[in-house]
Amino acid sequence: MQQPSPERIPQARQQEPLPEAREVAAGIWKFTVPIPFPLRTVNMYALVDNDGWAIVDTGMGMHDARAALKAGLHKAGLRIDRLHTIVLSHDHPDHIGLSGEMHEKSGATVYMHPIDANTMQMLWQNIYP
């Protein structure tokens, strides 16, 4: 599938600010982080509770995403050592890319649909048919 070239992306879309972190509802933070595709961003959501916080999706494993997440966590007052749950919606790199690092730093439990988890395992082990 061919990606649209930057000149084909509407001007208003090209000028949207990147990245951002904001509380969209009480205890729910939205982190918009960059990705290297014409879509330009992906969203991650932090769900804050009395025991720490959970995250839904983890962005892409790249420097700019790490920096945006770090800034967002700072703005939200969240620390990685209080992360208890990682929920991955599907196995695209822009949704799972930082999950391993976040798990390693936090020890958080990771949840993902078994079909996506099996696909990830095959790709990681290079045994995909």
N, C-alpha and C. Protein backbone atom coordinates (compact mmCIF):
# COMPACT_ATOMS: atom_id res chain seq x y z
N MET A 1 0.83 -1.17 0.00
CA MET A 1 0.00 0.00 0.00
C MET A 1 0.89 1.24 0.00
N GLN A 2 0.62 2.14 -0.90
CA GLN A 2 1.44 3.35 -1.03
C GLN A 2 0.94 4.41 -0.06
N GLN A 3 1.88 5.04 0.67
CA GLN A 3 1.55 6.12 1.59
C GLN A 3 1.46 7.43 0.81
N PRO A 4 0.51 8.31 1.20
CA PRO A 4 0.43 9.60 0.51
C PRO A 4 1.68 10.43 0.80
N SER A 5 2.12 11.17 -0.20
CA SER A 5 3.28 12.04 -0.02
C SER A 5 2.87 13.24 0.83
N PRO A 6 3.84 13.88 1.52
CA PRO A 6 3.52 15.02 2.38
C PRO A 6 2.74 16.12 1.67
N GLU A 7 3.01 16.34 0.38
CA GLU A 7 2.30 17.41 -0.32
C GLU A 7 0.83 17.07 -0.54
N ARG A 8 0.45 15.79 -0.39
CA ARG A 8 -0.95 15.39 -0.56
C ARG A 8 -1.72 15.40 0.75
N ILE A 9 -1.04 15.62 1.87
CA ILE A 9 -1.71 15.73 3.16
C ILE A 9 -2.26 17.14 3.27
N PRO A 10 -3.53 17.30 3.66
CA PRO A 10 -4.09 18.65 3.76
C PRO A 10 -3.23 19.57 4.61
N GLN A 11 -3.15 20.84 4.19
CA GLN A 11 -2.30 21.82 4.87
C GLN A 11 -2.59 21.90 6.36
N ALA A 12 -3.86 21.91 6.74
CA ALA A 12 -4.21 22.01 8.17
C ALA A 12 -3.65 20.82 8.93
N ARG A 13 -3.68 19.64 8.34
CA ARG A 13 -3.16 18.44 8.99
C ARG A 13 -1.64 18.53 9.18
N GLN A 14 -0.94 19.10 8.21
CA GLN A 14 0.51 19.24 8.29
C GLN A 14 0.92 20.18 9.41
N GLN A 15 0.04 21.10 9.79
CA GLN A 15 0.40 22.12 10.77
C GLN A 15 -0.10 21.81 12.18
N GLU A 16 -0.69 20.63 12.41
CA GLU A 16 -1.14 20.27 13.75
C GLU A 16 0.06 20.19 14.69
N PRO A 17 -0.12 20.65 15.92
CA PRO A 17 0.99 20.58 16.87
C PRO A 17 1.29 19.14 17.30
N LEU A 18 2.57 18.86 17.49
CA LEU A 18 3.03 17.55 17.95
C LEU A 18 4.01 17.77 19.08
N PRO A 19 4.17 16.89 19.97
CA PRO A 19 3.13 16.01 20.49
C PRO A 19 2.35 16.75 21.57
N GLU A 20 1.46 16.07 22.25
CA GLU A 20 0.72 16.69 23.32
C GLU A 20 0.35 15.66 24.38
N ALA A 21 0.10 16.14 25.56
CA ALA A 21 -0.41 15.32 26.65
C ALA A 21 -1.48 16.15 27.34
N ARG A 22 -2.65 15.57 27.50
CA ARG A 22 -3.71 16.31 28.19
C ARG A 22 -4.67 15.35 28.86
N GLU A 23 -5.26 15.81 29.93
CA GLU A 23 -6.25 15.03 30.65
C GLU A 23 -7.58 15.20 29.93
N VAL A 24 -8.13 14.11 29.39
CA VAL A 24 -9.37 14.20 28.61
C VAL A 24 -10.61 13.95 29.47
N ALA A 25 -10.43 13.33 30.61
CA ALA A 25 -11.48 13.11 31.60
C ALA A 25 -10.75 12.87 32.92
N ALA A 26 -11.46 12.92 34.00
CA ALA A 26 -10.82 12.73 35.30
C ALA A 26 -10.08 11.40 35.34
N GLY A 27 -8.76 11.48 35.53
CA GLY A 27 -7.95 10.27 35.64
C GLY A 27 -7.62 9.59 34.32
N ILE A 28 -7.92 10.21 33.19
CA ILE A 28 -7.60 9.65 31.88
C ILE A 28 -6.77 10.67 31.10
N TRP A 29 -5.54 10.28 30.80
CA TRP A 29 -4.63 11.15 30.05
C TRP A 29 -4.42 10.60 28.65
N LYS A 30 -4.43 11.50 27.68
CA LYS A 30 -4.16 11.16 26.28
C LYS A 30 -2.78 11.70 25.93
N PHE A 31 -1.91 10.81 25.47
CA PHE A 31 -0.59 11.21 24.99
C PHE A 31 -0.57 11.03 23.48
N THR A 32 -0.34 12.08 22.75
CA THR A 32 -0.20 12.02 21.30
C THR A 32 1.29 12.05 21.02
N VAL A 33 1.80 10.98 20.39
CA VAL A 33 3.23 10.86 20.14
C VAL A 33 3.49 10.69 18.65
N PRO A 34 4.65 11.13 18.19
CA PRO A 34 4.94 11.07 16.76
C PRO A 34 5.24 9.66 16.26
N ILE A 35 4.93 9.45 15.00
CA ILE A 35 5.31 8.24 14.27
C ILE A 35 5.84 8.68 12.90
N PRO A 36 6.70 7.90 12.27
CA PRO A 36 7.32 8.32 11.01
C PRO A 36 6.49 7.96 9.77
N PHE A 37 5.20 8.20 9.82
CA PHE A 37 4.30 7.89 8.72
C PHE A 37 3.44 9.12 8.44
N PRO A 38 2.78 9.19 7.29
CA PRO A 38 1.95 10.36 6.98
C PRO A 38 0.88 10.67 8.03
N LEU A 39 0.41 9.67 8.73
CA LEU A 39 -0.57 9.93 9.78
C LEU A 39 0.03 10.83 10.86
N ARG A 40 1.34 10.73 11.08
CA ARG A 40 2.16 11.58 11.93
C ARG A 40 2.08 11.30 13.42
N THR A 41 0.95 10.83 13.94
CA THR A 41 0.84 10.60 15.38
C THR A 41 0.06 9.33 15.69
N VAL A 42 0.23 8.87 16.91
CA VAL A 42 -0.59 7.80 17.46
C VAL A 42 -0.91 8.21 18.89
N ASN A 43 -2.05 7.75 19.38
CA ASN A 43 -2.46 8.10 20.73
C ASN A 43 -2.26 6.94 21.69
N MET A 44 -1.88 7.29 22.90
CA MET A 44 -1.75 6.36 24.00
C MET A 44 -2.62 6.94 25.11
N TYR A 45 -3.18 6.07 25.96
CA TYR A 45 -4.04 6.55 27.03
C TYR A 45 -3.57 5.99 28.37
N ALA A 46 -3.41 6.87 29.35
CA ALA A 46 -3.08 6.47 30.71
C ALA A 46 -4.35 6.54 31.55
N LEU A 47 -4.62 5.46 32.26
CA LEU A 47 -5.78 5.38 33.14
C LEU A 47 -5.25 5.33 34.57
N VAL A 48 -5.51 6.38 35.31
CA VAL A 48 -4.93 6.55 36.64
C VAL A 48 -5.92 6.05 37.70
N ASP A 49 -5.40 5.24 38.63
CA ASP A 49 -6.22 4.77 39.75
C ASP A 49 -5.44 4.91 41.05
N ASN A 50 -6.01 4.44 42.13
CA ASN A 50 -5.37 4.59 43.44
C ASN A 50 -4.09 3.77 43.57
N ASP A 51 -3.93 2.74 42.75
CA ASP A 51 -2.76 1.86 42.83
C ASP A 51 -1.65 2.26 41.86
N GLY A 52 -1.84 3.29 41.07
CA GLY A 52 -0.86 3.69 40.07
C GLY A 52 -1.57 4.03 38.79
N TRP A 53 -1.18 3.37 37.70
CA TRP A 53 -1.80 3.68 36.42
C TRP A 53 -1.61 2.54 35.43
N ALA A 54 -2.47 2.54 34.41
CA ALA A 54 -2.40 1.59 33.31
C ALA A 54 -2.24 2.39 32.03
N ILE A 55 -1.69 1.76 31.02
CA ILE A 55 -1.57 2.43 29.72
C ILE A 55 -2.19 1.55 28.64
N VAL A 56 -2.88 2.19 27.71
CA VAL A 56 -3.45 1.50 26.55
C VAL A 56 -2.62 1.94 25.35
N ASP A 57 -1.91 0.99 24.78
CA ASP A 57 -0.97 1.16 23.68
C ASP A 57 0.26 1.93 24.13
N THR A 58 1.36 1.73 23.41
CA THR A 58 2.64 2.26 23.90
C THR A 58 3.45 3.01 22.85
N GLY A 59 2.85 3.37 21.74
CA GLY A 59 3.60 4.13 20.75
C GLY A 59 4.66 3.29 20.05
N MET A 60 5.46 3.95 19.27
CA MET A 60 6.48 3.29 18.47
C MET A 60 7.83 3.39 19.16
N GLY A 61 8.65 2.37 19.03
CA GLY A 61 9.95 2.34 19.68
C GLY A 61 10.96 3.21 18.97
N MET A 62 10.85 4.51 19.11
CA MET A 62 11.78 5.45 18.48
C MET A 62 12.03 6.61 19.43
N HIS A 63 13.14 7.30 19.22
CA HIS A 63 13.57 8.38 20.11
C HIS A 63 12.48 9.44 20.32
N ASP A 64 11.88 9.93 19.26
CA ASP A 64 10.89 11.00 19.38
C ASP A 64 9.68 10.56 20.21
N ALA A 65 9.26 9.31 20.05
CA ALA A 65 8.13 8.80 20.84
C ALA A 65 8.52 8.69 22.31
N ARG A 66 9.74 8.21 22.57
CA ARG A 66 10.20 8.13 23.97
C ARG A 66 10.22 9.51 24.62
N ALA A 67 10.73 10.50 23.89
CA ALA A 67 10.82 11.86 24.43
C ALA A 67 9.43 12.43 24.69
N ALA A 68 8.50 12.22 23.75
CA ALA A 68 7.14 12.73 23.92
C ALA A 68 6.46 12.04 25.09
N LEU A 69 6.66 10.73 25.22
CA LEU A 69 6.06 10.02 26.34
C LEU A 69 6.64 10.51 27.67
N LYS A 70 7.93 10.68 27.72
CA LYS A 70 8.58 11.16 28.95
C LYS A 70 8.01 12.52 29.35
N ALA A 71 7.89 13.42 28.38
CA ALA A 71 7.33 14.75 28.66
C ALA A 71 5.87 14.64 29.11
N GLY A 72 5.11 13.76 28.47
CA GLY A 72 3.71 13.57 28.83
C GLY A 72 3.55 13.01 30.23
N LEU A 73 4.38 12.04 30.57
CA LEU A 73 4.31 11.46 31.92
C LEU A 73 4.65 12.53 32.96
N HIS A 74 5.63 13.36 32.66
CA HIS A 74 6.00 14.44 33.58
C HIS A 74 4.82 15.40 33.77
N LYS A 75 4.19 15.78 32.67
CA LYS A 75 3.06 16.71 32.73
C LYS A 75 1.90 16.11 33.54
N ALA A 76 1.68 14.80 33.37
CA ALA A 76 0.59 14.12 34.07
C ALA A 76 0.96 13.76 35.51
N GLY A 77 2.23 13.90 35.86
CA GLY A 77 2.67 13.53 37.20
C GLY A 77 2.73 12.02 37.41
N LEU A 78 2.98 11.29 36.33
CA LEU A 78 3.04 9.83 36.40
C LEU A 78 4.48 9.34 36.35
N ARG A 79 4.75 8.28 37.09
CA ARG A 79 6.08 7.68 37.10
C ARG A 79 5.98 6.25 36.58
N ILE A 80 7.01 5.84 35.84
CA ILE A 80 7.02 4.51 35.24
C ILE A 80 7.00 3.42 36.30
N ASP A 81 7.56 3.66 37.47
CA ASP A 81 7.57 2.63 38.51
C ASP A 81 6.20 2.43 39.14
N ARG A 82 5.22 3.27 38.80
CA ARG A 82 3.84 3.10 39.27
C ARG A 82 2.93 2.49 38.21
N LEU A 83 3.49 2.20 37.03
CA LEU A 83 2.73 1.55 35.95
C LEU A 83 2.49 0.10 36.33
N HIS A 84 1.22 -0.31 36.40
CA HIS A 84 0.91 -1.69 36.78
C HIS A 84 0.31 -2.52 35.66
N THR A 85 -0.18 -1.88 34.59
CA THR A 85 -0.84 -2.63 33.52
C THR A 85 -0.55 -1.98 32.18
N ILE A 86 -0.24 -2.83 31.18
CA ILE A 86 -0.07 -2.40 29.80
C ILE A 86 -1.08 -3.17 28.97
N VAL A 87 -1.95 -2.46 28.26
CA VAL A 87 -2.95 -3.08 27.39
C VAL A 87 -2.59 -2.71 25.96
N LEU A 88 -2.40 -3.71 25.12
CA LEU A 88 -2.03 -3.49 23.72
C LEU A 88 -3.22 -3.86 22.85
N SER A 89 -3.74 -2.89 22.10
CA SER A 89 -4.96 -3.09 21.32
C SER A 89 -4.75 -4.01 20.12
N HIS A 90 -3.57 -3.94 19.51
CA HIS A 90 -3.25 -4.80 18.37
C HIS A 90 -1.75 -4.71 18.11
N ASP A 91 -1.25 -5.57 17.23
CA ASP A 91 0.20 -5.76 17.12
C ASP A 91 0.91 -4.87 16.09
N HIS A 92 0.38 -3.71 15.78
CA HIS A 92 1.09 -2.80 14.88
C HIS A 92 2.23 -2.11 15.65
N PRO A 93 3.36 -1.87 15.01
CA PRO A 93 4.52 -1.30 15.70
C PRO A 93 4.25 0.04 16.38
N ASP A 94 3.33 0.83 15.83
CA ASP A 94 3.05 2.13 16.44
C ASP A 94 2.14 2.01 17.67
N HIS A 95 1.72 0.79 18.00
CA HIS A 95 0.90 0.56 19.19
C HIS A 95 1.63 -0.29 20.24
N ILE A 96 2.65 -1.03 19.82
CA ILE A 96 3.34 -1.92 20.76
C ILE A 96 4.82 -1.61 20.95
N GLY A 97 5.34 -0.67 20.18
CA GLY A 97 6.78 -0.47 20.09
C GLY A 97 7.53 -0.25 21.38
N LEU A 98 6.95 0.45 22.34
CA LEU A 98 7.64 0.71 23.60
C LEU A 98 7.19 -0.23 24.72
N SER A 99 6.36 -1.21 24.39
CA SER A 99 5.81 -2.08 25.43
C SER A 99 6.89 -2.88 26.16
N GLY A 100 7.87 -3.40 25.45
CA GLY A 100 8.93 -4.17 26.09
C GLY A 100 9.72 -3.33 27.07
N GLU A 101 10.09 -2.13 26.65
CA GLU A 101 10.84 -1.23 27.52
C GLU A 101 10.02 -0.84 28.74
N MET A 102 8.75 -0.54 28.52
CA MET A 102 7.90 -0.12 29.64
C MET A 102 7.69 -1.28 30.61
N HIS A 103 7.52 -2.48 30.08
CA HIS A 103 7.38 -3.66 30.93
C HIS A 103 8.66 -3.89 31.74
N GLU A 104 9.78 -3.79 31.07
CA GLU A 104 11.06 -4.02 31.74
C GLU A 104 11.29 -3.02 32.88
N LYS A 105 10.94 -1.76 32.66
CA LYS A 105 11.17 -0.72 33.67
C LYS A 105 10.16 -0.76 34.81
N SER A 106 8.97 -1.31 34.54
CA SER A 106 7.89 -1.24 35.53
C SER A 106 7.50 -2.59 36.13
N GLY A 107 7.70 -3.66 35.36
CA GLY A 107 7.19 -4.96 35.79
C GLY A 107 5.69 -5.10 35.58
N ALA A 108 5.09 -4.17 34.85
CA ALA A 108 3.64 -4.17 34.62
C ALA A 108 3.20 -5.44 33.90
N THR A 109 2.00 -5.87 34.20
CA THR A 109 1.38 -6.98 33.49
C THR A 109 0.97 -6.49 32.11
N VAL A 110 1.23 -7.31 31.09
CA VAL A 110 0.90 -6.93 29.71
C VAL A 110 -0.27 -7.79 29.22
N TYR A 111 -1.27 -7.12 28.64
CA TYR A 111 -2.43 -7.80 28.09
C TYR A 111 -2.53 -7.52 26.60
N MET A 112 -2.83 -8.59 25.84
CA MET A 112 -3.00 -8.47 24.40
C MET A 112 -3.83 -9.67 23.95
N HIS A 113 -4.62 -9.50 22.91
CA HIS A 113 -5.39 -10.62 22.38
C HIS A 113 -4.43 -11.73 21.96
N PRO A 114 -4.78 -12.99 22.23
CA PRO A 114 -3.88 -14.11 21.91
C PRO A 114 -3.48 -14.20 20.44
N ILE A 115 -4.35 -13.85 19.52
CA ILE A 115 -3.99 -13.91 18.09
C ILE A 115 -2.86 -12.92 17.81
N ASP A 116 -3.00 -11.69 18.31
CA ASP A 116 -1.94 -10.70 18.10
C ASP A 116 -0.66 -11.11 18.83
N ALA A 117 -0.80 -11.65 20.03
CA ALA A 117 0.38 -12.08 20.78
C ALA A 117 1.12 -13.19 20.03
N ASN A 118 0.41 -14.13 19.45
CA ASN A 118 1.04 -15.21 18.67
C ASN A 118 1.75 -14.66 17.44
N THR A 119 1.13 -13.71 16.77
CA THR A 119 1.76 -13.10 15.60
C THR A 119 3.05 -12.39 16.00
N MET A 120 3.00 -11.66 17.11
CA MET A 120 4.21 -10.97 17.59
C MET A 120 5.31 -11.97 17.90
N GLN A 121 4.97 -13.05 18.56
CA GLN A 121 5.97 -14.06 18.91
C GLN A 121 6.61 -14.64 17.65
N MET A 122 5.80 -14.93 16.63
CA MET A 122 6.34 -15.47 15.38
C MET A 122 7.28 -14.48 14.71
N LEU A 123 6.90 -13.20 14.70
CA LEU A 123 7.75 -12.19 14.09
C LEU A 123 9.06 -12.03 14.86
N TRP A 124 8.98 -12.00 16.18
CA TRP A 124 10.18 -11.85 17.01
C TRP A 124 11.13 -13.02 16.82
N GLN A 125 10.57 -14.22 16.64
CA GLN A 125 11.40 -15.42 16.52
C GLN A 125 11.72 -15.74 15.06
N ASN A 126 11.24 -14.90 14.14
CA ASN A 126 11.48 -15.06 12.71
C ASN A 126 11.01 -16.43 12.20
N ILE A 127 9.82 -16.86 12.67
CA ILE A 127 9.29 -18.15 12.21
C ILE A 127 7.96 -17.97 11.50
N TYR A 128 7.69 -16.74 11.08
CA TYR A 128 6.43 -16.48 10.37
C TYR A 128 6.44 -17.22 9.05
N PRO A 129 5.32 -17.91 8.71
CA PRO A 129 5.32 -18.69 7.45
C PRO A 129 5.51 -17.83 6.22
